[in-house]
Protein backbone atom coordinates (compact mmCIF):
# COMPACT_ATOMS: atom_id res chain seq x y z
CA LEU A 1 -17.87 39.13 19.53
CA MET A 2 -14.77 41.38 19.46
CA THR A 3 -13.82 40.01 22.88
CA TRP A 4 -13.70 36.44 21.58
CA ARG A 5 -11.72 37.44 18.50
CA GLY A 6 -9.37 39.64 20.49
CA VAL A 7 -8.56 36.95 23.04
CA PHE A 8 -7.96 34.30 20.38
CA LEU A 9 -5.75 36.52 18.21
CA LEU A 10 -3.79 37.75 21.24
CA CYS A 11 -3.10 34.16 22.32
CA LEU A 12 -2.07 33.24 18.79
CA LEU A 13 0.27 36.26 18.61
CA VAL A 14 1.89 35.50 21.98
CA LEU A 15 2.44 31.86 21.06
CA SER A 16 3.92 32.79 17.70
CA VAL A 17 6.27 35.48 19.03
CA SER A 18 7.45 33.32 21.92
CA ALA A 19 8.73 30.66 19.51
CA GLN A 20 12.33 31.93 19.17
CA GLU A 21 14.97 30.59 16.87
CA VAL A 22 17.25 28.16 18.73
CA THR A 23 20.50 26.80 17.29
CA HIS A 24 21.74 23.24 17.72
CA ALA A 25 24.64 24.53 19.84
CA ASP A 26 22.20 26.00 22.37
CA VAL A 27 20.66 22.62 23.12
CA ASP A 28 23.74 20.40 22.91
CA CYS A 29 24.02 18.54 26.22
CA GLY A 30 26.84 16.11 25.43
CA TRP A 31 30.03 15.59 23.52
CA MET A 32 31.18 13.74 20.45
CA GLY A 33 30.69 10.00 21.00
CA ILE A 34 28.42 10.27 24.05
CA THR A 35 26.21 7.21 24.56
CA GLU A 36 22.50 7.13 25.32
CA GLN A 37 23.13 5.92 28.88
CA GLN A 38 25.60 8.72 29.57
CA CYS A 39 23.16 11.28 28.15
CA VAL A 40 20.25 10.10 30.29
CA ARG A 41 22.43 9.98 33.44
CA LYS A 42 23.23 13.67 32.89
CA GLY A 43 19.51 14.42 32.97
CA CYS A 44 19.40 15.13 29.26
CA VAL A 45 17.19 13.75 26.48
CA TRP A 46 18.39 11.34 23.78
CA LEU A 47 17.01 12.05 20.27
CA GLU A 48 18.34 9.32 18.01
CA ASN A 49 18.59 10.16 14.28
CA PHE A 50 18.10 13.88 14.96
CA PRO A 51 19.90 15.97 12.28
CA GLY A 52 22.08 17.59 14.95
CA PRO A 53 23.16 16.70 18.49
CA TRP A 54 21.45 13.53 19.69
CA CYS A 55 21.89 14.43 23.36
CA GLN A 56 19.93 17.61 24.11
CA THR A 57 18.94 19.68 27.12
CA ALA A 58 15.60 18.85 28.75
CA ASP A 59 14.11 22.18 27.62
CA SER A 60 15.16 21.73 23.99
CA PRO A 61 12.45 22.89 21.56
CA TYR A 62 13.40 19.98 19.29
CA ILE A 63 12.08 17.37 21.71
CA PRO A 64 8.90 15.91 20.18
CA SER A 65 5.79 17.09 21.96
CA MET A 66 2.17 16.84 20.90
CA PHE A 67 1.60 20.24 22.54
CA GLU A 68 4.37 22.20 20.81
CA LEU A 69 2.89 24.78 18.48
CA GLY A 70 5.89 25.75 16.36
CA PHE A 71 4.11 28.40 14.27
CA ASP A 72 7.51 29.72 13.16
CA LYS A 73 8.32 26.48 11.32
CA LEU A 74 5.12 25.81 9.38
CA THR A 75 5.24 24.48 5.84
CA ASP A 76 3.04 26.10 3.20
CA GLU A 77 0.52 23.26 3.55
CA GLN A 78 0.44 23.57 7.34
CA TYR A 79 -0.04 27.31 7.04
CA ALA A 80 -2.97 26.77 4.65
CA THR A 81 -4.72 24.35 7.02
CA LEU A 82 -4.05 26.72 9.93
CA GLN A 83 -5.83 29.46 7.97
CA TYR A 84 -8.77 27.09 7.34
CA ALA A 85 -8.91 26.22 11.04
CA ILE A 86 -8.91 29.88 12.12
CA LEU A 87 -11.49 30.81 9.47
CA SER A 88 -13.72 27.92 10.55
CA PHE A 89 -13.31 28.79 14.23
CA PHE A 90 -14.41 32.40 13.81
CA ALA A 91 -17.17 31.64 11.29
CA LEU A 92 -18.77 28.97 13.47
CA SER A 93 -18.21 30.99 16.66
CA PHE A 94 -20.21 33.73 14.92
CA ALA A 95 -22.87 31.13 14.10
CA VAL A 96 -23.28 29.94 17.70
CA LEU A 97 -23.34 33.50 18.99
CA PHE A 98 -25.80 34.93 16.47
CA GLY A 99 -27.27 31.97 14.55
CA SER A 100 -30.45 31.96 16.62
CA SER A 101 -30.77 35.75 16.83
CA LYS A 102 -34.20 37.14 16.05
CA PHE A 103 -32.55 40.18 14.50
CA MET A 104 -30.60 38.14 11.95
CA ILE A 105 -32.54 37.67 8.71
CA ASN A 106 -32.52 34.14 7.28
CA ALA A 107 -30.19 32.96 10.05
CA GLU A 108 -30.67 29.28 9.20
CA PHE A 109 -29.67 29.80 5.57
CA ILE A 110 -26.61 31.79 6.60
CA VAL A 111 -25.46 29.01 8.95
CA ILE A 112 -26.02 26.38 6.26
CA GLY A 113 -24.11 28.54 3.78
CA ILE A 114 -21.18 28.95 6.19
CA LEU A 115 -20.96 25.20 6.77
CA PHE A 116 -21.17 24.46 3.04
CA VAL A 117 -18.39 26.92 2.16
CA LEU A 118 -16.11 25.62 4.93
CA ALA A 119 -16.75 22.03 3.89
CA TRP A 120 -16.06 22.86 0.24
CA ILE A 121 -12.74 24.56 1.09
CA THR A 122 -11.48 21.75 3.33
CA ARG A 123 -12.60 18.93 1.01
CA TYR A 124 -11.32 20.35 -2.26
CA HIS A 125 -8.00 21.74 -0.99
CA ASN A 126 -5.11 20.38 -3.10
CA ILE A 127 -7.28 17.43 -4.10
CA GLU A 128 -4.89 16.44 -6.88
CA HIS A 129 -2.38 15.25 -4.26
CA PRO A 130 -1.18 12.50 -4.16
CA LYS A 131 -0.63 12.12 -7.90
CA GLU A 132 -0.69 8.34 -7.71
CA VAL A 133 -3.19 5.54 -7.20
CA VAL A 134 -4.06 5.55 -3.50
CA PHE A 135 -5.46 2.56 -1.61
CA ASP A 136 -8.77 1.35 -3.10
CA GLU A 137 -8.60 3.78 -6.00
CA TYR A 138 -6.92 0.70 -7.47
CA TYR A 139 -10.38 -0.93 -7.52
CA PHE A 140 -12.94 1.88 -7.74
CA GLY A 141 -11.06 3.88 -10.35
CA HIS A 142 -10.70 0.68 -12.37
CA PHE A 143 -14.42 -0.08 -12.07
CA ALA A 144 -15.46 3.41 -13.23
CA ASN A 145 -13.06 3.20 -16.18
CA SER A 146 -14.41 -0.25 -17.06
CA TYR A 147 -17.92 1.19 -17.42
CA CYS A 148 -16.45 3.90 -19.61
CA ASN A 149 -14.67 1.34 -21.81
CA GLY A 150 -17.64 -1.07 -21.96
CA THR A 151 -15.93 -3.97 -20.15
CA TYR A 152 -17.49 -6.23 -17.54
CA VAL A 153 -17.42 -5.12 -13.89
CA PHE A 154 -17.81 -7.32 -10.83
CA ASP A 155 -17.57 -6.01 -7.28
CA ILE A 156 -18.84 -7.17 -3.90
CA HIS A 157 -20.76 -3.88 -3.59
CA PRO A 158 -23.78 -2.68 -5.63
CA PRO A 159 -22.99 -0.36 -8.56
CA LEU A 160 -24.52 3.06 -7.82
CA ALA A 161 -21.39 4.84 -6.51
CA LYS A 162 -19.16 3.45 -9.26
CA LEU A 163 -21.71 4.43 -11.93
CA THR A 164 -21.89 7.91 -10.40
CA HIS A 165 -18.13 8.24 -10.73
CA TYR A 166 -18.38 7.17 -14.36
CA PHE A 167 -21.41 9.21 -15.47
CA VAL A 168 -20.59 12.46 -13.64
CA GLY A 169 -16.87 12.04 -14.25
CA SER A 170 -17.51 11.83 -17.99
CA LEU A 171 -19.40 15.13 -17.85
CA MET A 172 -16.44 16.68 -16.02
CA GLY A 173 -13.91 15.61 -18.66
CA GLN A 174 -12.63 12.41 -17.07
CA LYS A 175 -10.25 10.47 -19.33
CA CYS A 176 -10.68 6.70 -19.08
CA THR A 177 -7.09 5.95 -20.10
CA MET A 178 -5.55 5.17 -16.71
CA ASP A 179 -4.51 1.57 -16.14
CA PHE A 180 -5.36 1.28 -12.44
CA HIS A 181 -4.19 -2.34 -12.51
CA GLY A 182 -0.80 -1.52 -13.99
CA LYS A 183 2.31 -3.56 -13.34
CA ASP A 184 3.83 -0.96 -11.03
CA GLU A 185 2.89 -1.35 -7.38
CA LEU A 186 2.07 2.37 -7.15
CA SER A 187 0.88 3.61 -10.54
CA LYS A 188 1.44 7.32 -11.17
CA TYR A 189 -1.16 9.50 -12.83
CA SER A 190 0.17 11.21 -15.95
CA ASP A 191 -2.80 13.57 -16.41
CA TYR A 192 -5.12 15.35 -13.94
CA ASP A 193 -8.11 14.29 -16.04
CA GLN A 194 -7.28 10.65 -15.30
CA TYR A 195 -8.33 10.94 -11.64
CA VAL A 196 -9.17 14.45 -10.37
CA PRO A 197 -12.80 14.46 -11.70
CA TYR A 198 -13.43 11.18 -9.85
CA ARG A 199 -11.97 12.62 -6.63
CA ARG A 200 -14.03 15.77 -6.99
CA ILE A 201 -17.20 13.68 -7.10
CA SER A 202 -16.26 12.02 -3.80
CA ALA A 203 -15.45 15.44 -2.33
CA PHE A 204 -18.83 16.82 -3.41
CA PHE A 205 -20.75 14.20 -1.45
CA GLY A 206 -18.47 14.77 1.54
CA THR A 207 -19.12 18.51 1.28
CA LEU A 208 -22.91 18.09 1.27
CA ALA A 209 -22.74 15.90 4.38
CA VAL A 210 -21.61 18.80 6.60
CA PRO A 211 -24.58 21.21 6.18
CA LEU A 212 -26.89 18.18 6.05
CA ALA A 213 -25.66 17.22 9.52
CA TYR A 214 -26.76 20.65 10.76
CA LEU A 215 -30.23 20.15 9.27
CA ILE A 216 -30.48 16.74 10.92
CA GLY A 217 -29.64 18.31 14.26
CA ARG A 218 -32.47 20.80 13.81
CA GLU A 219 -34.91 18.00 12.90
CA PHE A 220 -33.87 16.20 16.09
CA LYS A 221 -35.01 19.42 17.83
CA LEU A 222 -31.50 20.34 18.89
CA SER A 223 -30.74 24.02 19.42
CA VAL A 224 -29.04 26.06 16.70
CA GLN A 225 -25.84 25.98 18.74
CA ALA A 226 -25.92 22.19 19.17
CA SER A 227 -26.66 21.76 15.47
CA VAL A 228 -23.74 24.03 14.53
CA LEU A 229 -21.57 21.92 16.82
CA LEU A 230 -22.74 18.81 14.96
CA GLY A 231 -21.73 20.43 11.68
CA ALA A 232 -18.34 21.37 13.15
CA ILE A 233 -17.74 17.81 14.33
CA MET A 234 -18.50 16.55 10.83
CA LEU A 235 -16.23 19.19 9.34
CA CYS A 236 -13.27 18.12 11.50
CA ASP A 237 -13.77 14.37 11.34
CA SER A 238 -10.55 12.99 9.85
CA LEU A 239 -12.21 9.68 8.94
CA LEU A 240 -14.74 11.33 6.63
CA LEU A 241 -12.21 13.88 5.35
CA SER A 242 -9.73 11.20 4.25
CA GLU A 243 -12.43 9.10 2.57
CA THR A 244 -13.91 12.16 0.87
CA ARG A 245 -10.77 13.18 -1.01
CA LEU A 246 -10.07 9.92 -2.87
CA VAL A 247 -11.75 7.82 -5.56
CA LEU A 248 -13.66 5.80 -2.95
CA THR A 249 -17.36 5.15 -2.39
CA ASP A 250 -17.85 5.70 1.34
CA SER A 251 -18.50 9.44 1.04
CA GLN A 252 -21.48 8.58 -1.19
CA LEU A 253 -22.59 5.84 1.20
CA PHE A 254 -22.39 8.16 4.18
CA PHE A 255 -24.24 10.97 2.41
CA TYR A 256 -27.13 8.75 1.34
CA ILE A 257 -27.35 7.21 4.83
CA ILE A 258 -27.66 10.54 6.63
CA LEU A 259 -29.93 11.83 3.86
CA SER A 260 -32.20 8.85 4.61
CA ILE A 261 -32.19 9.82 8.29
CA TYR A 262 -33.04 13.44 7.45
CA CYS A 263 -35.90 12.46 5.13
CA ALA A 264 -37.24 10.02 7.72
CA LEU A 265 -37.22 12.75 10.39
CA LYS A 266 -39.16 15.04 8.06
CA LEU A 267 -41.60 12.19 7.34
CA TRP A 268 -42.19 11.44 11.02
CA ASN A 269 -42.99 15.11 11.71
CA SER A 270 -45.41 15.50 8.76
CA LYS A 271 -49.19 15.63 8.94
CA ASP A 272 -51.23 12.64 7.86
CA ARG A 273 -52.70 12.81 4.32
CA SER A 274 -50.72 15.93 3.50
CA PHE A 275 -48.53 16.62 0.49
CA SER A 276 -45.60 16.83 2.89
CA ARG A 277 -46.16 13.27 4.11
CA ASN A 278 -46.40 11.94 0.55
CA PHE A 279 -43.30 13.85 -0.53
CA TRP A 280 -41.14 12.72 2.38
CA THR A 281 -42.36 9.13 2.02
CA VAL A 282 -41.00 9.07 -1.54
CA ALA A 283 -37.85 10.99 -0.56
CA THR A 284 -37.07 8.56 2.27
CA ALA A 285 -37.62 5.60 -0.02
CA VAL A 286 -35.37 7.04 -2.76
CA ALA A 287 -32.58 7.98 -0.35
CA SER A 288 -32.74 4.54 1.30
CA GLY A 289 -32.64 2.78 -2.07
CA CYS A 290 -29.59 4.83 -3.07
CA ALA A 291 -27.79 4.08 0.19
CA PHE A 292 -28.42 0.34 -0.16
CA CYS A 293 -27.25 0.44 -3.78
CA VAL A 294 -23.87 1.85 -2.71
CA LYS A 295 -23.13 -0.76 -0.07
CA PHE A 296 -25.20 -3.46 1.62
CA THR A 297 -23.90 -2.20 4.99
CA ALA A 298 -26.49 0.61 4.77
CA LEU A 299 -29.01 -2.01 5.90
CA ALA A 300 -28.27 -1.24 9.57
CA THR A 301 -29.54 2.33 9.26
CA LEU A 302 -32.43 1.35 6.99
CA GLY A 303 -33.48 -1.20 9.60
CA TRP A 304 -33.20 1.51 12.27
CA ILE A 305 -35.48 3.79 10.23
CA ALA A 306 -38.02 0.98 9.73
CA PHE A 307 -37.94 0.17 13.46
CA VAL A 308 -38.52 3.78 14.54
CA THR A 309 -41.25 4.20 11.92
CA TYR A 310 -43.11 1.07 13.01
CA LEU A 311 -43.02 2.07 16.69
CA ALA A 312 -44.16 5.62 15.78
CA VAL A 313 -41.56 7.00 18.21
CA TYR A 314 -41.46 10.50 16.75
CA THR A 315 -44.89 10.69 15.16
CA HIS A 316 -46.90 13.05 17.34
CA ARG A 317 -49.88 12.87 15.00
CA LYS A 318 -51.25 9.79 13.26
CA PRO A 319 -48.53 7.12 12.83
CA ILE A 320 -47.21 6.16 9.41
CA GLY A 321 -49.59 3.57 7.97
CA ILE A 322 -48.39 0.01 7.27
CA LEU A 323 -49.56 0.25 3.65
CA ARG A 324 -47.48 3.41 3.22
CA CYS A 325 -44.49 1.54 4.60
CA PHE A 326 -44.91 -1.21 2.00
CA VAL A 327 -45.23 1.39 -0.78
CA ALA A 328 -42.03 3.04 0.43
CA ALA A 329 -40.27 -0.34 0.48
CA ALA A 330 -41.40 -1.00 -3.11
CA ILE A 331 -40.14 2.40 -4.28
CA SER A 332 -36.84 1.77 -2.52
CA ALA A 333 -36.50 -1.64 -4.22
CA VAL A 334 -37.09 -0.06 -7.65
CA VAL A 335 -34.49 2.65 -6.95
CA PHE A 336 -32.06 -0.03 -5.80
CA SER A 337 -32.59 -2.03 -9.02
CA ILE A 338 -32.24 0.76 -11.60
CA PRO A 339 -28.41 1.09 -11.38
CA PHE A 340 -28.10 -2.65 -12.01
CA TYR A 341 -29.77 -2.14 -15.39
CA PHE A 342 -26.97 0.23 -16.42
CA HIS A 343 -24.40 -2.05 -14.81
CA ILE A 344 -25.52 -4.93 -17.05
CA ALA A 345 -25.98 -2.77 -20.15
CA LEU A 346 -22.53 -1.19 -19.98
CA GLY A 347 -20.53 -4.35 -19.30
CA LYS A 348 -20.88 -6.17 -22.63
CA HIS A 349 -17.21 -7.06 -23.19
CA SER A 350 -15.04 -9.57 -21.40
CA SER A 351 -12.62 -8.45 -18.68
CA ASP A 352 -10.38 -9.88 -15.98
CA ALA A 353 -13.47 -10.05 -13.70
CA ASP A 354 -15.20 -12.79 -15.76
CA TRP A 355 -14.11 -15.54 -13.39
CA ASN A 356 -16.56 -14.26 -10.77
CA ILE A 357 -19.58 -15.46 -12.78
CA ASP A 358 -20.66 -18.86 -14.09
CA LEU A 359 -20.44 -20.12 -17.68
CA GLU A 360 -24.07 -19.26 -18.39
CA HIS A 361 -23.32 -15.58 -17.85
CA GLN A 362 -19.79 -15.67 -19.30
CA GLN A 363 -21.21 -16.67 -22.68
CA LEU A 364 -22.94 -13.28 -22.85
CA LEU A 365 -19.63 -11.37 -22.77
CA ILE A 366 -18.00 -10.47 -26.07
CA GLY A 367 -14.41 -11.69 -26.12
CA ASN A 368 -14.84 -14.32 -23.44
CA ALA A 369 -13.60 -17.84 -24.31
CA ASN A 370 -17.15 -19.09 -23.71
CA TYR A 371 -18.86 -16.31 -25.66
CA ASN A 372 -21.93 -17.46 -27.61
CA PRO A 373 -23.59 -14.81 -29.80
CA ARG A 374 -26.74 -16.95 -29.94
CA ALA A 375 -27.07 -17.23 -26.17
CA VAL A 376 -30.37 -15.93 -24.83
CA PRO A 377 -29.73 -13.50 -21.96
CA PRO A 378 -31.71 -14.10 -18.76
CA SER A 379 -34.48 -11.72 -17.73
CA PHE A 380 -33.41 -8.61 -15.86
CA ILE A 381 -34.94 -9.84 -12.58
CA SER A 382 -33.20 -13.21 -12.70
CA HIS A 383 -29.91 -11.55 -13.69
CA LEU A 384 -30.32 -9.09 -10.82
CA ILE A 385 -30.97 -11.85 -8.29
CA TYR A 386 -27.97 -13.80 -9.57
CA LEU A 387 -25.65 -10.79 -9.26
CA ILE A 388 -26.81 -10.01 -5.72
CA LYS A 389 -26.27 -13.65 -4.73
CA ARG A 390 -22.73 -13.63 -6.16
CA MET A 391 -21.93 -10.30 -4.46
CA LEU A 392 -23.02 -11.62 -1.08
CA GLU A 393 -21.06 -14.85 -1.58
CA GLN A 394 -17.88 -12.98 -2.49
CA ASN A 395 -18.44 -10.52 0.35
CA ALA A 396 -18.68 -13.35 2.85
CA ALA A 397 -15.49 -14.83 1.42
CA SER A 398 -13.46 -11.67 2.22
CA LEU A 399 -11.61 -13.40 5.04
CA GLY A 400 -7.98 -12.83 4.13
CA ASP A 401 -5.54 -11.16 6.52
CA HIS A 402 -4.66 -7.55 5.79
CA PRO A 403 -1.90 -5.57 7.52
CA TYR A 404 -4.23 -2.62 8.11
CA ALA A 405 -7.37 -4.53 9.08
CA SER A 406 -8.87 -3.48 12.41
CA PHE A 407 -11.74 -4.24 14.78
CA TRP A 408 -14.76 -2.34 16.03
CA TYR A 409 -13.37 -1.93 19.57
CA GLU A 410 -10.38 -0.08 18.07
CA TRP A 411 -12.50 2.29 15.99
CA ILE A 412 -14.45 3.67 18.95
CA VAL A 413 -11.23 4.94 20.56
CA GLY A 414 -9.67 6.31 17.38
CA LYS A 415 -7.35 3.39 16.72
CA GLY A 416 -7.08 0.92 13.83
CA ALA A 417 -5.58 3.45 11.43
CA LEU A 418 -5.48 2.34 7.80
CA LEU A 419 -2.37 3.56 5.97
CA SER A 420 -3.56 4.37 2.44
CA TYR A 421 -0.60 6.41 1.18
CA SER A 422 3.05 6.71 2.15
CA GLU A 423 5.87 8.54 0.39
CA HIS A 424 9.36 9.31 1.63
CA ARG A 425 11.95 11.63 0.10
CA GLU A 426 14.93 10.97 2.29
CA ASP A 427 17.16 13.57 0.62
CA GLU A 428 14.57 16.27 1.49
CA ASP A 429 13.58 14.79 4.87
CA TRP A 430 9.99 14.76 3.53
CA HIS A 431 7.56 12.13 4.74
CA GLY A 432 3.93 12.10 3.56
CA HIS A 433 1.15 9.81 4.80
CA ILE A 434 -2.61 9.45 4.53
CA PHE A 435 -4.30 7.51 7.31
CA ILE A 436 -7.98 6.60 7.32
CA VAL A 437 -8.83 6.82 11.01
CA SER A 438 -11.30 8.62 13.26
CA ASN A 439 -10.48 11.79 15.15
CA VAL A 440 -9.47 10.80 18.70
CA PHE A 441 -11.01 13.97 20.13
CA ILE A 442 -14.36 13.06 18.54
CA CYS A 443 -14.19 9.37 19.50
CA TYR A 444 -13.69 10.04 23.20
CA SER A 445 -16.35 12.76 23.14
CA ILE A 446 -18.79 10.15 21.83
CA LEU A 447 -17.90 7.67 24.57
CA LEU A 448 -18.18 10.39 27.20
CA ALA A 449 -21.60 11.41 25.86
CA PHE A 450 -22.92 7.85 26.17
CA PHE A 451 -21.38 7.58 29.65
CA VAL A 452 -23.17 10.78 30.71
CA PHE A 453 -26.48 9.90 29.06
CA PHE A 454 -27.27 6.64 30.85
CA PRO A 455 -27.09 7.86 34.48
CA ILE A 456 -29.26 10.85 33.56
CA ALA A 457 -31.71 8.68 31.62
CA PHE A 458 -32.06 6.05 34.34
CA THR A 459 -32.54 8.76 36.98
CA MET A 460 -35.30 10.32 34.88
CA LEU A 461 -36.99 6.95 34.42
CA ARG A 462 -36.81 6.27 38.15
CA GLY A 463 -38.23 9.70 38.95
CA ARG A 464 -41.21 9.33 36.61
CA VAL A 465 -43.07 7.58 39.48
CA SER A 466 -43.06 10.78 41.53
CA PHE A 467 -42.92 13.41 38.80
CA ARG A 468 -44.46 13.20 35.39
CA LEU A 469 -41.89 13.48 32.63
CA SER A 470 -42.10 16.69 30.62
CA ALA A 471 -42.30 16.63 26.82
CA ARG A 472 -38.66 17.77 26.70
CA GLU A 473 -37.51 14.98 28.99
CA THR A 474 -39.50 12.38 27.05
CA HIS A 475 -37.93 13.56 23.79
CA PHE A 476 -34.46 13.45 25.36
CA LEU A 477 -34.98 9.86 26.54
CA LYS A 478 -36.44 8.63 23.24
CA THR A 479 -33.73 10.26 21.17
CA GLY A 480 -30.89 9.15 23.41
CA PHE A 481 -31.91 5.50 23.51
CA LEU A 482 -32.54 5.42 19.76
CA LEU A 483 -29.16 7.01 19.02
CA PHE A 484 -27.51 4.37 21.15
CA LEU A 485 -29.47 1.71 19.27
CA GLY A 486 -28.31 3.15 15.93
CA TRP A 487 -24.70 3.23 17.14
CA ILE A 488 -24.83 -0.38 18.30
CA ALA A 489 -26.73 -1.56 15.19
CA ASN A 490 -23.93 -0.24 12.98
CA LEU A 491 -21.18 -1.80 15.11
CA LEU A 492 -22.73 -5.18 15.91
CA PRO A 493 -22.47 -6.68 12.40
CA TYR A 494 -18.71 -6.07 12.38
CA ALA A 495 -18.41 -7.67 15.81
CA LEU A 496 -20.28 -10.79 14.69
CA VAL A 497 -19.14 -11.39 11.11
CA ALA A 498 -15.90 -13.15 10.25
CA ARG A 499 -14.98 -10.98 7.25
CA THR A 500 -12.06 -8.52 7.22
CA THR A 501 -13.02 -5.10 8.62
CA TYR A 502 -11.44 -1.66 8.37
CA SER A 503 -11.62 1.70 10.15
CA TYR A 504 -13.91 3.31 7.53
CA HIS A 505 -16.67 0.85 8.45
CA TYR A 506 -17.23 3.02 11.54
CA LEU A 507 -18.46 6.02 9.50
CA PRO A 508 -22.25 5.38 9.74
CA GLY A 509 -22.19 4.28 13.37
CA GLN A 510 -20.02 7.21 14.38
CA PHE A 511 -22.67 9.64 13.14
CA TYR A 512 -25.16 8.46 15.78
CA GLY A 513 -22.50 9.09 18.41
CA MET A 514 -21.89 12.60 17.06
CA VAL A 515 -25.59 13.42 17.42
CA MET A 516 -25.48 12.03 20.98
CA VAL A 517 -22.64 14.44 21.82
CA CYS A 518 -24.81 17.34 20.68
CA LEU A 519 -27.86 16.01 22.52
CA ILE A 520 -25.87 15.98 25.78
CA PHE A 521 -24.46 19.40 24.93
CA ASP A 522 -28.05 20.69 24.75
CA GLU A 523 -29.63 18.88 27.68
CA VAL A 524 -27.06 18.95 30.51
CA PRO A 525 -26.92 22.77 30.75
CA HIS A 526 -30.72 22.87 30.64
CA LEU A 527 -31.02 20.35 33.47
CA PHE A 528 -28.61 22.37 35.61
CA PHE A 529 -29.77 25.92 34.99
CA SER A 530 -33.48 25.04 35.08
CA LEU A 531 -32.98 24.39 38.81
CA PHE A 532 -32.38 28.12 39.34
CA PHE A 533 -33.99 29.95 36.43
CA SER A 534 -37.03 29.74 34.18
CA GLY A 535 -38.66 31.41 31.20
CA GLU A 536 -36.79 33.96 29.12
CA GLN A 537 -34.08 34.32 31.75
CA LEU A 538 -33.32 30.61 31.47
CA GLU A 539 -33.13 30.83 27.67
CA ARG A 540 -30.71 33.77 27.82
CA ILE A 541 -28.42 31.99 30.27
CA LEU A 542 -28.56 28.77 28.25
CA HIS A 543 -27.64 30.66 25.09
CA LYS A 544 -24.57 32.18 26.75
CA ALA A 545 -23.50 28.95 28.46
CA ARG A 546 -23.82 26.88 25.30
CA ALA A 547 -21.94 29.51 23.31
CA VAL A 548 -19.02 29.39 25.75
CA VAL A 549 -18.90 25.58 25.77
CA ALA A 550 -19.27 25.39 21.97
CA ILE A 551 -16.40 27.83 21.40
CA LEU A 552 -14.19 25.88 23.81
CA LEU A 553 -15.03 22.69 21.92
CA PHE A 554 -14.25 24.45 18.65
CA VAL A 555 -10.76 25.21 19.97
CA GLY A 556 -10.14 21.50 20.52
CA LEU A 557 -11.78 20.43 17.26
CA PHE A 558 -10.01 22.88 15.00
CA TRP A 559 -6.65 22.53 16.72
CA ASN A 560 -6.93 18.78 16.23
CA TYR A 561 -7.92 19.31 12.59
CA PHE A 562 -4.95 21.61 11.96
CA TYR A 563 -2.30 19.63 13.84
CA TYR A 564 -3.14 16.25 12.30
CA SER A 565 -4.32 17.49 8.88
CA CYS A 566 -1.12 16.08 7.36
CA PHE A 567 -2.63 12.60 7.78
CA SER A 568 -5.75 13.55 5.78
CA TYR A 569 -4.18 15.69 3.06
CA GLY A 570 -0.99 13.66 2.75
CA PHE A 571 1.41 16.60 2.72
CA GLY A 572 4.92 15.91 3.91
CA LEU A 573 6.65 16.73 7.19
CA ASP A 574 10.20 16.24 8.32
CA ASN A 575 10.96 13.21 10.46
CA LEU A 576 10.90 15.20 13.71
CA GLU A 577 7.48 16.75 13.07
CA TYR A 578 6.09 13.38 12.04
CA SER A 579 7.41 11.79 15.25
CA LYS A 580 5.41 14.33 17.29
CA ARG A 581 2.18 13.18 15.66
CA LYS A 582 2.64 9.48 15.09
CA TRP A 583 1.20 8.56 18.51
CA ILE A 584 -2.25 9.10 17.03
CA VAL A 585 -1.64 6.21 14.61
CA SER A 586 0.50 4.20 17.03
CA GLY A 587 -1.33 1.00 16.11
CA LEU A 588 0.87 0.86 13.00
């Protein structure tokens, strides 16, 4: 362990010391009035708008480079995220080295605790910034405040996440005084209690998702090291991190979706007619109902769970009975419906959203021009069906052009960045941005994992004629194909529908790809080393090999997290530092 720490710290020290202070005069390669053509002909580099000589020597440290470290010029915010990256690297390196040790008491709980603490730190860091309404906080903050103020709410998504913001936010001291639909294009918050409690709720769900990912890896029968890697990937995912820190609903959606997957895995591995099977049946139903009541897009994963359950893919004992499936569906429907009761009960007064409903329902709203105190309200079921119908109609009508709309084939390669916040202080050379976009490192790892899986899988299937597949190989094939199915099922709707789509729609589908990365991480070393070793010797070699690969992957993950953290946290950089990083959001 000291060897790993020593090497990393030595490299960090060398890189930091080697970054020497260079003056503008040292890199000046031209003269007053030199043109770009003259500069290039001299073999120099032209840096237009640089606050110094525009024509600089080819080895100038001021030339933008995605590989330049520049530890001597870090801002306070960069230094903080560097500390988080180093802390996470060493903590998770410790986990992959010793997490499966027989001599470590309660190793699983320690790993889960490490992931939770790291997720909490990275999600809650400086969460009050930016101190203005960011992106769809304009809508979701307004909806939560409307519940608080008793005015009518209409949205194309079901109400659970917005009600959660309202109910929990109220317990945390949220003030419902902010006018999210103010006249100013970018409304400023005047009080932390107007928005920080709402953001903390989003961050909490994003925090829980990280250790939950580790537990899902273990239920998929991945090794401790592969499961820790899955947690690390979740920790560093810029798409989830950006969504988690704002008054948005996708962190809740994502949490409930992966919670549904976890509960389903526990259900599939339970014994028939046991308390465990009954418990996980109810838990899966409740989690699925919650996911569907945040956004209808959860249907892709719920369909995936139903498909796997029906085929009894993972049930090694008696399959889940059809009657039990119907009971679970009924429980899920009830859970889905309950938030609508509060949605209807809280929205008694007229608002600017009245136009979304017909006259029959407008007459129930106090203050509406069509209000009729003698009107008989419809039954809850009929009101529920009407609201769902209107939500789906309005959802389908979301066809307008948006400057930051993107397509599924951009998401899978880390493109289609959505600019949700931008602030420039020209006098300070300070430029802050928040982009909602996937981590490029993670996106290409997912594509590589799928590319590696299929040749291996097809070779195994071909070889089954001569050699019977082992239980491990069968599990690898089943899991791999089902992960690919889950990935496709969450992308296909956005490829087929005409509505406007955005980068955050990739969150659920991306998770299946993350698990695939960890599946390949587990299986490829086993396939190779099992040719030469077996038994305990094989396990020892696999442990060492996976530890080395995991730590190397951590270097890439946490460097990527640190270097591009400015686009998740929104802290400012000078124009030169921003220009080094903007390639990652070059679609804008």
